[in-house]
N, C-alpha and C. Protein backbone atom coordinates (compact mmCIF):
# COMPACT_ATOMS: atom_id res chain seq x y z
N MET A 1 5.55 12.72 -21.04
CA MET A 1 5.98 12.50 -19.52
C MET A 1 6.03 10.80 -19.35
N ALA A 2 7.05 10.62 -18.51
CA ALA A 2 7.30 9.20 -18.24
C ALA A 2 6.06 8.70 -17.43
N ASN A 3 6.00 7.35 -17.21
CA ASN A 3 5.28 6.48 -16.74
C ASN A 3 3.68 6.83 -16.85
N GLY A 4 3.15 7.12 -17.82
CA GLY A 4 1.81 7.53 -18.02
C GLY A 4 1.29 8.62 -17.58
N THR A 5 2.23 9.61 -17.01
CA THR A 5 1.73 10.91 -16.41
C THR A 5 1.47 11.73 -17.65
N LEU A 6 -0.05 12.55 -17.27
CA LEU A 6 -0.41 13.42 -18.33
C LEU A 6 -0.36 14.70 -17.93
N ALA A 7 0.39 15.50 -18.35
CA ALA A 7 0.58 17.00 -18.08
C ALA A 7 -0.54 17.63 -18.46
N LEU A 8 -1.05 19.02 -17.88
CA LEU A 8 -2.03 19.62 -18.69
C LEU A 8 -1.84 20.11 -20.16
N SER A 9 -0.63 20.57 -20.31
CA SER A 9 -0.23 21.10 -21.50
C SER A 9 -0.67 19.88 -22.80
N GLN A 10 -0.91 18.67 -22.34
CA GLN A 10 -1.15 17.53 -23.19
C GLN A 10 -2.53 17.45 -23.36
N MET A 11 -3.33 18.12 -22.72
CA MET A 11 -4.89 18.04 -22.83
C MET A 11 -5.37 17.81 -24.28
N ASP A 12 -4.68 18.65 -25.05
CA ASP A 12 -5.25 18.92 -26.57
C ASP A 12 -4.94 17.50 -27.26
N MET A 13 -4.25 16.43 -26.71
CA MET A 13 -3.93 15.01 -27.22
C MET A 13 -4.90 14.29 -26.80
N MET A 14 -6.07 14.69 -26.20
CA MET A 14 -7.19 13.87 -25.66
C MET A 14 -8.37 13.76 -26.40
N SER A 15 -9.23 12.98 -26.62
CA SER A 15 -10.49 13.08 -27.05
C SER A 15 -11.55 12.35 -26.23
N GLN A 16 -12.68 12.62 -26.01
CA GLN A 16 -13.73 11.86 -25.25
C GLN A 16 -14.94 11.43 -26.24
N SER A 17 -15.49 10.61 -25.96
CA SER A 17 -16.89 10.48 -26.50
C SER A 17 -18.15 10.39 -25.44
N GLY A 18 -19.23 10.37 -25.63
CA GLY A 18 -20.35 10.43 -24.82
C GLY A 18 -20.55 9.14 -23.90
N THR A 19 -19.82 8.20 -24.07
CA THR A 19 -19.86 6.66 -23.51
C THR A 19 -18.95 6.90 -21.98
N GLY A 20 -18.21 7.73 -21.70
CA GLY A 20 -17.32 7.87 -20.72
C GLY A 20 -15.90 7.09 -20.98
N VAL A 21 -15.80 6.99 -22.48
CA VAL A 21 -14.29 6.75 -22.74
C VAL A 21 -13.36 7.83 -23.06
N VAL A 22 -12.36 7.89 -22.57
CA VAL A 22 -11.37 8.97 -22.88
C VAL A 22 -10.21 8.41 -23.53
N THR A 23 -9.75 8.79 -24.66
CA THR A 23 -8.62 8.30 -25.53
C THR A 23 -7.65 9.23 -25.14
N ILE A 24 -6.14 8.76 -24.90
CA ILE A 24 -5.17 9.48 -24.85
C ILE A 24 -4.00 9.16 -25.75
N VAL A 25 -3.63 10.02 -26.48
CA VAL A 25 -2.44 9.59 -27.15
C VAL A 25 -1.04 10.31 -26.71
N PRO A 26 -0.19 9.58 -25.98
CA PRO A 26 1.06 10.00 -25.40
C PRO A 26 1.90 10.30 -26.94
N PRO A 27 2.52 11.48 -26.78
CA PRO A 27 3.38 11.73 -27.84
C PRO A 27 4.58 11.03 -28.12
N ALA A 28 5.02 10.34 -27.10
CA ALA A 28 6.30 9.54 -27.15
C ALA A 28 5.99 8.20 -27.94
N THR A 29 4.82 7.67 -27.88
CA THR A 29 4.32 6.46 -28.49
C THR A 29 3.39 6.43 -29.62
N ASN A 30 2.81 7.79 -29.80
CA ASN A 30 2.09 8.00 -30.88
C ASN A 30 0.80 6.73 -31.07
N THR A 31 0.62 6.11 -29.76
CA THR A 31 -0.23 4.95 -29.69
C THR A 31 -1.35 5.40 -28.74
N ASP A 32 -2.84 5.21 -29.42
CA ASP A 32 -3.78 5.35 -28.32
C ASP A 32 -3.92 4.72 -27.02
N ARG A 33 -4.27 5.30 -26.15
CA ARG A 33 -4.34 4.64 -24.67
C ARG A 33 -5.90 5.01 -24.33
N THR A 34 -6.54 4.11 -24.11
CA THR A 34 -7.94 4.15 -23.79
C THR A 34 -8.43 4.05 -22.16
N LEU A 35 -9.11 4.99 -21.46
CA LEU A 35 -9.40 4.80 -20.41
C LEU A 35 -11.05 4.87 -20.23
N THR A 36 -11.67 3.80 -19.35
CA THR A 36 -12.95 3.80 -19.60
C THR A 36 -13.52 3.98 -18.18
N LEU A 37 -14.19 4.97 -17.65
CA LEU A 37 -14.94 5.12 -16.37
C LEU A 37 -16.12 4.43 -16.41
N SER A 38 -16.43 3.80 -15.17
CA SER A 38 -17.73 3.18 -15.17
C SER A 38 -19.13 3.91 -14.92
N ASP A 39 -19.01 5.36 -14.56
CA ASP A 39 -19.94 6.06 -14.65
C ASP A 39 -19.56 7.69 -14.40
N ASN A 40 -20.27 8.58 -14.27
CA ASN A 40 -19.86 9.98 -14.26
C ASN A 40 -19.15 10.23 -12.79
N SER A 41 -19.16 9.38 -11.87
CA SER A 41 -18.57 9.64 -10.39
C SER A 41 -17.44 9.05 -10.56
N GLY A 42 -16.69 8.38 -11.56
CA GLY A 42 -15.67 7.83 -11.46
C GLY A 42 -14.22 8.78 -11.04
N THR A 43 -13.36 8.36 -10.66
CA THR A 43 -12.00 9.05 -10.27
C THR A 43 -10.84 8.37 -10.57
N ILE A 44 -9.71 9.26 -10.85
CA ILE A 44 -8.62 8.63 -11.32
C ILE A 44 -7.63 9.28 -10.15
N GLY A 45 -6.70 8.33 -9.76
CA GLY A 45 -5.76 8.92 -8.79
C GLY A 45 -5.72 8.31 -7.58
N PHE A 46 -5.14 8.86 -6.57
CA PHE A 46 -5.26 8.89 -5.05
C PHE A 46 -6.45 9.32 -4.52
N ALA A 47 -7.19 8.19 -4.00
CA ALA A 47 -8.46 8.43 -3.43
C ALA A 47 -8.59 8.12 -2.15
N GLY A 48 -7.70 7.86 -1.43
CA GLY A 48 -7.75 7.41 0.23
C GLY A 48 -7.11 5.93 0.21
N LEU A 49 -6.98 5.38 1.36
CA LEU A 49 -6.51 4.15 1.73
C LEU A 49 -7.66 3.40 2.41
N PRO A 50 -8.03 2.48 1.54
CA PRO A 50 -9.15 1.70 1.90
C PRO A 50 -8.69 0.73 3.04
N GLN A 51 -9.76 0.51 4.07
CA GLN A 51 -9.48 -0.65 5.13
C GLN A 51 -9.59 -1.87 4.72
N SER A 52 -8.73 -2.80 5.07
CA SER A 52 -8.65 -4.17 4.70
C SER A 52 -9.53 -4.85 5.83
N GLY A 53 -10.92 -5.02 5.47
CA GLY A 53 -12.02 -5.81 6.40
C GLY A 53 -12.06 -5.16 7.58
N ALA A 54 -12.49 -5.94 8.65
CA ALA A 54 -12.77 -5.40 9.99
C ALA A 54 -11.33 -5.18 10.74
N THR A 55 -11.77 -4.23 11.72
CA THR A 55 -10.50 -4.16 12.68
C THR A 55 -10.13 -5.52 13.42
N LYS A 56 -8.78 -5.86 13.40
CA LYS A 56 -8.17 -6.99 13.93
C LYS A 56 -8.14 -7.09 15.36
N THR A 57 -8.82 -8.02 15.93
CA THR A 57 -8.70 -8.00 17.48
C THR A 57 -8.02 -9.26 17.87
N GLY A 58 -7.23 -9.95 17.25
CA GLY A 58 -6.49 -11.25 17.42
C GLY A 58 -5.47 -11.46 16.67
N SER A 59 -4.86 -12.36 16.71
CA SER A 59 -3.55 -12.50 15.71
C SER A 59 -3.91 -12.48 14.15
N TYR A 60 -3.37 -11.68 13.60
CA TYR A 60 -3.47 -11.59 12.03
C TYR A 60 -2.40 -11.75 11.10
N THR A 61 -2.23 -12.51 10.10
CA THR A 61 -1.27 -12.71 9.21
C THR A 61 -1.62 -11.85 7.96
N LEU A 62 -0.82 -10.86 7.43
CA LEU A 62 -0.90 -9.97 6.49
C LEU A 62 -0.78 -11.21 5.09
N ALA A 63 -2.03 -10.63 4.27
CA ALA A 63 -2.29 -11.69 3.28
C ALA A 63 -2.01 -10.58 1.74
N VAL A 64 -1.96 -11.04 0.73
CA VAL A 64 -1.79 -10.25 -0.58
C VAL A 64 -2.95 -9.57 -0.73
N ASN A 65 -4.24 -9.85 -0.32
CA ASN A 65 -5.24 -9.04 -0.45
C ASN A 65 -5.18 -7.66 0.37
N ASP A 66 -4.20 -7.55 1.37
CA ASP A 66 -4.01 -6.34 2.01
C ASP A 66 -2.94 -5.45 1.26
N VAL A 67 -2.55 -5.64 0.29
CA VAL A 67 -1.63 -4.72 -0.42
C VAL A 67 -2.48 -3.50 -0.85
N GLY A 68 -1.84 -2.37 -0.22
CA GLY A 68 -2.32 -1.12 -0.66
C GLY A 68 -3.40 -0.64 0.03
N GLN A 69 -3.90 -1.22 1.29
CA GLN A 69 -4.87 -1.34 2.28
C GLN A 69 -4.27 -0.80 3.76
N LEU A 70 -5.37 -0.36 4.48
CA LEU A 70 -4.86 -0.17 5.96
C LEU A 70 -5.36 -1.44 6.70
N ILE A 71 -4.50 -1.99 7.55
CA ILE A 71 -4.99 -2.76 8.54
C ILE A 71 -5.07 -2.09 9.82
N GLN A 72 -6.35 -2.20 10.53
CA GLN A 72 -6.53 -1.45 11.83
C GLN A 72 -6.34 -2.48 12.99
N VAL A 73 -5.72 -2.43 13.97
CA VAL A 73 -5.56 -3.36 15.06
C VAL A 73 -6.31 -2.82 16.21
N GLY A 74 -7.25 -3.39 16.88
CA GLY A 74 -7.76 -3.13 18.25
C GLY A 74 -7.83 -4.00 19.41
N THR A 75 -7.96 -3.66 20.39
CA THR A 75 -8.25 -4.57 21.48
C THR A 75 -7.43 -5.66 21.64
N GLY A 76 -6.05 -5.38 21.36
CA GLY A 76 -5.09 -6.56 21.63
C GLY A 76 -4.59 -7.31 20.70
N GLY A 77 -4.77 -6.82 19.26
CA GLY A 77 -4.46 -7.73 18.29
C GLY A 77 -3.11 -7.68 17.99
N SER A 78 -2.35 -8.70 17.13
CA SER A 78 -1.02 -8.63 16.80
C SER A 78 -1.16 -8.80 15.07
N ILE A 79 0.10 -8.65 14.58
CA ILE A 79 0.43 -8.68 13.02
C ILE A 79 1.41 -9.58 12.92
N THR A 80 1.54 -10.54 11.97
CA THR A 80 2.60 -11.20 11.26
C THR A 80 2.72 -11.14 9.89
N ILE A 81 4.20 -10.62 9.56
CA ILE A 81 4.53 -10.50 8.22
C ILE A 81 5.18 -11.82 7.74
N PRO A 82 4.26 -12.60 6.72
CA PRO A 82 4.78 -13.75 6.34
C PRO A 82 5.94 -13.56 5.55
N ASP A 83 6.71 -14.84 4.99
CA ASP A 83 7.91 -14.94 4.17
C ASP A 83 7.17 -15.51 2.95
N ALA A 84 7.87 -14.99 1.89
CA ALA A 84 7.60 -15.47 0.37
C ALA A 84 6.13 -15.17 0.19
N THR A 85 5.55 -14.21 0.37
CA THR A 85 4.24 -13.93 0.30
C THR A 85 3.78 -12.83 -0.53
N PHE A 86 4.58 -11.76 -0.62
CA PHE A 86 4.65 -10.36 -1.41
C PHE A 86 5.44 -10.24 -2.25
N ALA A 87 5.28 -9.24 -3.31
CA ALA A 87 6.18 -8.95 -4.28
C ALA A 87 6.59 -7.67 -4.25
N THR A 88 7.91 -7.32 -4.91
CA THR A 88 8.49 -6.21 -4.75
C THR A 88 7.64 -5.03 -5.17
N GLY A 89 7.82 -3.88 -4.02
CA GLY A 89 7.02 -2.80 -4.39
C GLY A 89 5.61 -2.64 -3.51
N ASP A 90 5.19 -4.10 -3.19
CA ASP A 90 3.89 -4.15 -2.52
C ASP A 90 4.10 -3.23 -1.12
N ILE A 91 3.02 -2.66 -0.57
CA ILE A 91 3.02 -1.77 0.68
C ILE A 91 1.72 -2.21 1.30
N VAL A 92 1.79 -2.47 2.68
CA VAL A 92 0.72 -2.47 3.66
C VAL A 92 0.74 -1.59 4.79
N SER A 93 -0.17 -0.82 5.01
CA SER A 93 -0.21 0.03 6.36
C SER A 93 -0.79 -0.53 7.34
N ILE A 94 -0.30 -0.21 8.61
CA ILE A 94 -1.01 -0.64 9.87
C ILE A 94 -1.04 0.43 10.70
N PHE A 95 -2.52 0.46 11.44
CA PHE A 95 -2.64 1.46 12.53
C PHE A 95 -3.08 0.72 13.84
N ASN A 96 -2.12 0.99 14.69
CA ASN A 96 -2.63 0.59 16.28
C ASN A 96 -3.62 1.46 16.92
N ASN A 97 -4.94 1.00 16.87
CA ASN A 97 -6.03 1.62 17.73
C ASN A 97 -6.13 1.15 19.18
N THR A 98 -4.96 1.12 19.99
CA THR A 98 -5.20 0.51 21.23
C THR A 98 -4.25 1.36 22.18
N ALA A 99 -4.51 1.15 23.48
CA ALA A 99 -3.93 2.04 24.68
C ALA A 99 -2.72 1.55 24.86
N GLY A 100 -2.02 0.41 24.22
CA GLY A 100 -0.66 -0.09 24.32
C GLY A 100 -0.04 -0.47 23.07
N SER A 101 1.29 -0.78 23.02
CA SER A 101 1.85 -1.10 21.94
C SER A 101 1.59 -2.65 21.55
N ILE A 102 1.43 -2.85 20.13
CA ILE A 102 1.20 -4.35 19.67
C ILE A 102 2.56 -4.86 19.11
N THR A 103 2.30 -6.14 18.92
CA THR A 103 3.81 -6.95 18.33
C THR A 103 3.45 -7.31 16.80
N ILE A 104 4.46 -6.67 16.16
CA ILE A 104 4.43 -7.12 14.81
C ILE A 104 5.78 -8.16 14.68
N THR A 105 5.05 -9.42 14.40
CA THR A 105 6.24 -10.64 14.15
C THR A 105 6.59 -10.66 12.86
N CYS A 106 8.00 -10.92 12.44
CA CYS A 106 8.53 -10.64 11.34
C CYS A 106 8.86 -12.14 10.97
N THR A 107 8.07 -12.96 10.33
CA THR A 107 8.45 -14.26 9.92
C THR A 107 9.13 -14.34 8.77
N ILE A 108 8.97 -13.21 7.82
CA ILE A 108 9.69 -12.93 6.70
C ILE A 108 11.18 -13.02 6.98
N THR A 109 11.77 -13.60 5.80
CA THR A 109 13.25 -13.80 6.15
C THR A 109 14.26 -12.84 6.60
N THR A 110 13.84 -11.51 5.96
CA THR A 110 14.62 -10.34 6.65
C THR A 110 13.68 -8.97 6.58
N ALA A 111 13.56 -8.63 7.77
CA ALA A 111 12.87 -7.35 8.17
C ALA A 111 13.70 -6.11 8.83
N TYR A 112 13.81 -5.10 8.19
CA TYR A 112 14.28 -3.91 8.80
C TYR A 112 13.46 -2.86 9.12
N ILE A 113 14.03 -2.30 10.26
CA ILE A 113 13.29 -0.73 10.71
C ILE A 113 13.98 0.27 9.78
N SER A 114 13.10 1.05 8.98
CA SER A 114 13.72 1.80 8.07
C SER A 114 14.90 2.79 8.80
N GLY A 115 16.09 2.97 8.09
CA GLY A 115 17.28 3.57 8.90
C GLY A 115 18.07 2.83 9.68
N ILE A 116 17.84 1.64 9.97
CA ILE A 116 18.51 0.62 10.97
C ILE A 116 19.09 -0.61 9.96
N ASP A 117 20.48 -0.80 10.04
CA ASP A 117 20.85 -1.91 9.45
C ASP A 117 20.83 -3.06 10.28
N ALA A 118 19.91 -3.58 10.68
CA ALA A 118 19.65 -4.88 11.50
C ALA A 118 18.41 -5.57 11.39
N ASP A 119 18.31 -7.06 11.22
CA ASP A 119 17.29 -7.70 10.86
C ASP A 119 16.34 -7.98 12.10
N ASP A 120 15.24 -7.75 12.24
CA ASP A 120 14.45 -7.67 13.30
C ASP A 120 13.43 -8.81 13.26
N ALA A 121 13.19 -9.65 14.08
CA ALA A 121 12.25 -10.71 14.30
C ALA A 121 10.95 -10.35 14.75
N SER A 122 10.95 -9.39 15.42
CA SER A 122 9.73 -8.46 16.16
C SER A 122 10.02 -7.32 16.26
N VAL A 123 8.90 -6.39 15.99
CA VAL A 123 8.91 -5.04 16.45
C VAL A 123 7.55 -4.57 17.14
N SER A 124 7.58 -3.43 17.90
CA SER A 124 6.54 -3.07 18.41
C SER A 124 5.94 -1.90 17.92
N LEU A 125 4.49 -1.78 17.65
CA LEU A 125 3.82 -0.61 17.09
C LEU A 125 3.51 0.15 18.14
N LEU A 126 3.80 1.44 18.43
CA LEU A 126 3.46 2.24 19.52
C LEU A 126 1.91 2.50 19.48
N THR A 127 1.53 2.97 20.61
CA THR A 127 -0.26 3.33 20.82
C THR A 127 -0.37 4.34 19.71
N ARG A 128 -1.56 3.96 19.06
CA ARG A 128 -1.96 5.04 18.19
C ARG A 128 -1.15 5.29 17.14
N GLY A 129 -0.14 4.33 16.86
CA GLY A 129 0.95 4.49 15.87
C GLY A 129 0.46 3.88 14.52
N VAL A 130 1.30 4.64 13.36
CA VAL A 130 0.96 3.88 12.09
C VAL A 130 2.13 3.46 11.53
N CYS A 131 2.23 2.40 10.77
CA CYS A 131 3.46 1.91 10.31
C CYS A 131 3.30 1.45 8.74
N SER A 132 4.06 1.72 7.85
CA SER A 132 4.11 0.92 6.53
C SER A 132 5.03 -0.17 6.39
N VAL A 133 4.70 -1.03 5.66
CA VAL A 133 5.59 -2.24 5.43
C VAL A 133 5.80 -2.16 3.86
N LEU A 134 6.93 -2.19 3.44
CA LEU A 134 7.56 -1.97 2.20
C LEU A 134 8.19 -3.15 1.84
N PHE A 135 7.69 -3.95 0.69
CA PHE A 135 8.23 -5.02 0.48
C PHE A 135 9.30 -4.67 -0.71
N ILE A 136 10.51 -5.33 -0.49
CA ILE A 136 11.68 -4.98 -1.38
C ILE A 136 11.63 -6.43 -2.00
N SER A 137 11.26 -7.37 -1.61
CA SER A 137 11.22 -8.64 -2.47
C SER A 137 10.37 -9.59 -1.60
N GLY A 138 10.19 -10.80 -1.89
CA GLY A 138 9.34 -11.57 -1.17
C GLY A 138 9.66 -12.08 -0.04
N THR A 139 11.06 -11.72 0.24
CA THR A 139 11.76 -12.29 1.44
C THR A 139 12.41 -11.07 2.26
N VAL A 140 12.09 -9.94 1.78
CA VAL A 140 12.76 -8.75 2.56
C VAL A 140 11.63 -7.65 2.42
N CYS A 141 11.62 -7.04 3.81
CA CYS A 141 10.59 -5.93 3.90
C CYS A 141 11.56 -4.67 4.73
N VAL A 142 11.08 -3.51 4.59
CA VAL A 142 11.21 -2.42 5.52
C VAL A 142 9.95 -1.61 6.13
N ILE A 143 10.04 -1.59 7.50
CA ILE A 143 9.24 -0.93 8.29
C ILE A 143 9.46 0.29 8.48
N THR A 144 8.35 1.33 8.43
CA THR A 144 8.65 2.69 8.32
C THR A 144 7.40 3.06 9.69
N GLY A 145 7.71 4.02 10.44
CA GLY A 145 6.72 4.65 11.24
C GLY A 145 6.99 4.52 12.61
N SER A 146 5.92 4.22 13.46
CA SER A 146 5.93 4.23 14.88
C SER A 146 6.30 3.13 15.61
N VAL A 147 7.45 2.50 14.99
CA VAL A 147 7.77 1.31 15.58
C VAL A 147 9.14 1.51 16.15
N THR A 148 9.45 0.18 17.36
CA THR A 148 10.70 0.11 17.89
C THR A 148 10.93 -1.40 18.05
N THR A 149 12.16 -1.54 18.50
CA THR A 149 12.39 -3.16 18.51
C THR A 149 12.25 -3.62 20.12
């Protein structure tokens, strides 16, 4: 299987020790890959979207530490997407937990709303709306979700 995906039919290719170590030998590489779980409650795979710190209630500029996390905005906060900060494939999700739209200011070189071929310097995230920001490069992003210009 590609990209480290393990099919159930490959379960016989695995061995485990009593220490929480599982060794996988993908047939394509014939090289051991070891996965160590910290305790018996460890999980692998999608486990939910963690919130990045406290709810934002003022101006907030996205940071690298926000990648793969949820930014929640409350009581009139706003978001800025900075330029030359993120890497290709980084994603940040934003939730507007207010009774009105909030502003997402795009200081990144090029910001598109998904499906629209226009660079936007500012978008509005609608009331109780969610959007995701996908970084195509450090200077280009695409915003999907409950946004308008």
